Protein backbone atom coordinates (compact mmCIF):
# COMPACT_ATOMS: atom_id res chain seq x y z
CA UNK A 1 -8.89 -7.01 46.99
CA UNK A 2 -10.17 -3.59 45.38
CA UNK A 3 -6.46 -2.84 44.32
CA UNK A 4 -6.15 -5.94 42.59
CA UNK A 5 -9.19 -4.90 40.63
CA UNK A 6 -8.21 -1.50 39.91
CA UNK A 7 -4.98 -2.77 38.43
CA UNK A 8 -6.95 -5.36 36.47
CA UNK A 9 -9.77 -2.67 35.19
CA UNK A 10 -6.63 -0.25 34.34
CA UNK A 11 -5.28 -2.96 32.38
CA UNK A 12 -8.49 -3.63 30.40
CA UNK A 13 -9.02 -0.05 30.05
CA UNK A 14 -5.22 0.43 28.67
CA UNK A 15 -5.39 -2.47 26.29
CA UNK A 16 -8.79 -1.07 24.88
CA UNK A 17 -7.13 1.95 24.40
CA UNK A 18 -4.25 0.38 22.10
CA UNK A 19 -6.43 -1.84 20.33
CA UNK A 20 -8.57 1.32 19.18
CA UNK A 21 -5.06 3.35 18.34
CA UNK A 22 -3.75 0.43 16.75
CA UNK A 23 -6.91 -0.04 14.36
CA UNK A 24 -8.06 3.42 14.11
CA UNK A 25 -4.58 4.15 12.15
CA UNK A 26 -4.83 0.94 10.22
CA UNK A 27 -6.00 0.65 6.96
CA UNK A 28 -7.46 -1.90 4.43
CA UNK A 29 -5.11 -4.62 2.85
CA UNK A 30 -3.78 -3.63 -0.75
CA UNK A 31 -2.33 -5.86 -3.27
CA UNK A 32 0.19 -5.48 -5.89
CA UNK A 33 1.32 -7.42 -8.96
CA UNK A 34 4.52 -8.17 -10.29
CA UNK A 35 4.58 -10.14 -13.87
CA UNK A 36 5.57 -9.72 -17.23
CA UNK A 37 3.79 -7.30 -20.00
CA UNK A 38 4.11 -10.68 -22.25
CA UNK A 39 5.11 -14.34 -22.80
CA UNK A 40 6.01 -17.05 -24.92
CA UNK A 41 2.96 -19.21 -25.47
CA UNK A 42 3.57 -22.74 -23.09
CA UNK A 43 6.58 -20.50 -21.00
CA UNK A 44 6.24 -20.77 -17.49
CA UNK A 45 5.96 -17.36 -15.39
CA UNK A 46 7.14 -15.85 -12.21
CA UNK A 47 4.06 -13.85 -10.24
CA UNK A 48 4.80 -11.56 -7.42
CA UNK A 49 1.93 -10.21 -4.85
CA UNK A 50 3.69 -7.57 -2.59
CA UNK A 51 0.66 -7.38 0.11
CA UNK A 52 0.74 -4.33 2.25
CA UNK A 53 -1.16 -3.58 5.79
CA UNK A 54 -0.49 -2.03 9.08
CA UNK A 55 -1.30 -3.03 12.24
CA UNK A 56 -0.84 -6.99 12.07
CA UNK A 57 -1.51 -8.00 15.60
CA UNK A 58 -3.47 -10.37 17.54
CA UNK A 59 -6.69 -8.23 16.68
CA UNK A 60 -6.02 -7.06 13.51
CA UNK A 61 -4.68 -8.91 10.23
CA UNK A 62 -4.83 -9.54 6.85
CA UNK A 63 -6.57 -12.72 7.22
CA UNK A 64 -6.73 -14.21 3.33
CA UNK A 65 -4.94 -12.90 -0.13
CA UNK A 66 -5.61 -14.76 -3.03
CA UNK A 67 -4.62 -14.81 -7.06
CA UNK A 68 -7.00 -15.65 -9.82
CA UNK A 69 -5.99 -16.38 -13.19
CA UNK A 70 -8.83 -15.96 -15.93
CA UNK A 71 -10.96 -15.85 -12.77
CA UNK A 72 -10.46 -19.02 -11.16
CA UNK A 73 -8.33 -19.29 -7.67
CA UNK A 74 -4.69 -20.64 -8.36
CA UNK A 75 -3.35 -19.41 -5.02
CA UNK A 76 -4.83 -18.42 -1.62
CA UNK A 77 -3.43 -17.67 1.92
CA UNK A 78 -5.52 -17.99 4.71
CA UNK A 79 -4.21 -16.44 8.01
CA UNK A 80 -5.36 -16.63 11.58
CA UNK A 81 -4.53 -14.56 15.21
CA UNK A 82 -2.12 -17.14 16.16
CA UNK A 83 -0.91 -17.67 12.00
CA UNK A 84 -0.10 -13.99 11.10
CA UNK A 85 1.54 -12.41 8.02
CA UNK A 86 5.39 -11.92 8.84
CA UNK A 87 5.81 -8.03 8.49
CA UNK A 88 3.68 -5.38 7.51
CA UNK A 89 4.80 -5.51 3.71
CA UNK A 90 5.00 -9.53 2.37
CA UNK A 91 5.48 -10.84 -0.99
CA UNK A 92 3.96 -14.30 -2.22
CA UNK A 93 5.10 -15.75 -5.69
CA UNK A 94 3.44 -18.21 -7.71
CA UNK A 95 4.64 -19.88 -11.17
CA UNK A 96 2.49 -19.97 -13.45
CA UNK A 97 2.16 -21.33 -17.09
CA UNK A 98 1.14 -19.44 -20.01
CA UNK A 99 -1.29 -21.20 -22.43
CA UNK A 100 -3.15 -17.77 -23.89
CA UNK A 101 -3.86 -14.48 -22.97
CA UNK A 102 -3.96 -14.27 -19.01
CA UNK A 103 -6.33 -11.65 -16.70
CA UNK A 104 -4.57 -11.49 -13.54
CA UNK A 105 -6.61 -10.77 -10.40
CA UNK A 106 -5.46 -10.92 -6.62
CA UNK A 107 -6.88 -9.06 -3.75
CA UNK A 108 -5.99 -9.63 0.09
CA UNK A 109 -8.45 -8.46 2.80
CA UNK A 110 -8.23 -7.03 6.60
CA UNK A 111 -10.59 -8.67 9.12
CA UNK A 112 -11.34 -5.38 10.80
CA UNK A 113 -10.97 -2.41 7.64
CA UNK A 114 -11.21 -4.98 4.68
CA UNK A 115 -9.72 -4.50 1.25
CA UNK A 116 -8.22 -1.61 -1.03
CA UNK A 117 -9.83 -3.71 -3.53
CA UNK A 118 -8.69 -6.21 -6.55
CA UNK A 119 -5.40 -5.64 -8.04
CA UNK A 120 -5.65 -6.56 -12.16
CA UNK A 121 -2.81 -7.66 -14.37
CA UNK A 122 -2.59 -8.94 -17.97
CA UNK A 123 -0.19 -10.81 -19.45
CA UNK A 124 0.06 -10.93 -23.37
CA UNK A 125 1.29 -13.65 -25.68
CA UNK A 126 4.97 -13.07 -27.73
CA UNK A 127 4.17 -13.14 -31.31
């Protein structure tokens, strides 16, 4: 009985240290935006978000990412411990209409460490 308790305690300590090591070296979630600098009025463009976060595991992961266009949220991805992002670096793509000059804002969030801050991008109307 004592051996079982010791092994259980040892396993718990090992998992705790593993968790601390993983989260201690992990970073905040960051997002970069790739989109055209200018587009024809009324056209549709592709906006690509590249999200980076090391340490995506059951306890520590990117829990959400959003894209706003002119301060209005147009896309959001929510994650959970049982529905984590597929990789440490992953991509999400959105098609948007360009009726006027656009200001894009994207941000991601780590459930433990937070965000590196929002990324911004402007799309001008081609003359």
